[in-house]
Protein backbone atom coordinates (compact mmCIF):
# COMPACT_ATOMS: atom_id res chain seq x y z
CA UNK A 1 2.86 -14.15 -3.73
CA UNK A 2 4.82 -17.18 -4.94
CA UNK A 3 5.94 -17.64 -8.51
CA UNK A 4 6.16 -20.93 -10.40
CA UNK A 5 9.52 -21.75 -8.73
CA UNK A 6 8.09 -21.00 -5.25
CA UNK A 7 10.05 -17.75 -4.95
CA UNK A 8 8.46 -14.98 -2.94
CA UNK A 9 7.43 -11.90 -4.92
CA UNK A 10 6.95 -8.76 -2.84
CA UNK A 11 5.64 -5.51 -4.23
CA UNK A 12 4.12 -2.29 -3.00
CA UNK A 13 1.20 -0.58 -4.65
CA UNK A 14 2.83 2.69 -5.57
CA UNK A 15 3.96 4.25 -2.31
CA UNK A 16 7.57 4.14 -3.45
CA UNK A 17 6.88 7.18 -5.63
CA UNK A 18 7.51 10.72 -4.51
CA UNK A 19 4.45 12.37 -2.99
CA UNK A 20 5.80 15.90 -3.29
CA UNK A 21 5.12 18.31 -0.43
CA UNK A 22 2.27 16.18 0.86
CA UNK A 23 2.74 13.88 3.83
CA UNK A 24 0.15 11.37 2.64
CA UNK A 25 -1.05 9.49 -0.43
CA UNK A 26 -4.72 9.05 -1.32
CA UNK A 27 -5.53 6.10 -3.52
CA UNK A 28 -8.35 6.24 -6.04
CA UNK A 29 -11.45 4.08 -5.96
CA UNK A 30 -11.31 0.63 -7.49
CA UNK A 31 -7.54 0.31 -7.23
CA UNK A 32 -6.29 -3.00 -5.78
CA UNK A 33 -5.06 -2.85 -2.18
CA UNK A 34 -2.92 -5.44 -0.34
CA UNK A 35 -5.49 -5.87 2.45
CA UNK A 36 -3.32 -8.17 4.53
CA UNK A 37 -0.66 -5.45 5.06
CA UNK A 38 -2.76 -2.31 5.30
CA UNK A 39 -3.92 -0.59 8.49
CA UNK A 40 -7.70 -0.63 9.04
CA UNK A 41 -7.94 3.17 9.05
CA UNK A 42 -6.19 3.26 5.66
CA UNK A 43 -8.71 0.80 4.25
CA UNK A 44 -11.58 2.93 5.50
CA UNK A 45 -10.21 6.31 4.36
CA UNK A 46 -7.88 5.23 1.50
CA UNK A 47 -5.23 7.56 2.99
CA UNK A 48 -1.74 6.12 3.46
CA UNK A 49 1.06 7.67 5.52
CA UNK A 50 4.25 6.44 7.14
CA UNK A 51 2.31 6.39 10.41
CA UNK A 52 -0.27 3.98 9.00
CA UNK A 53 2.39 1.61 7.66
CA UNK A 54 2.03 -1.92 9.06
CA UNK A 55 5.27 -3.74 9.79
């Protein structure tokens, strides 16, 4: 996203937090998702792991 001075603003949607002993993060319904950077299987299941990370 660009701000008013045309600077790029990059943000995640919460995966920077600690997930404890779990190896995945499940996002709740209705939460915004950056569709352009998310793997298709993560969109379908709403489960995010380091293996589903799109680079």
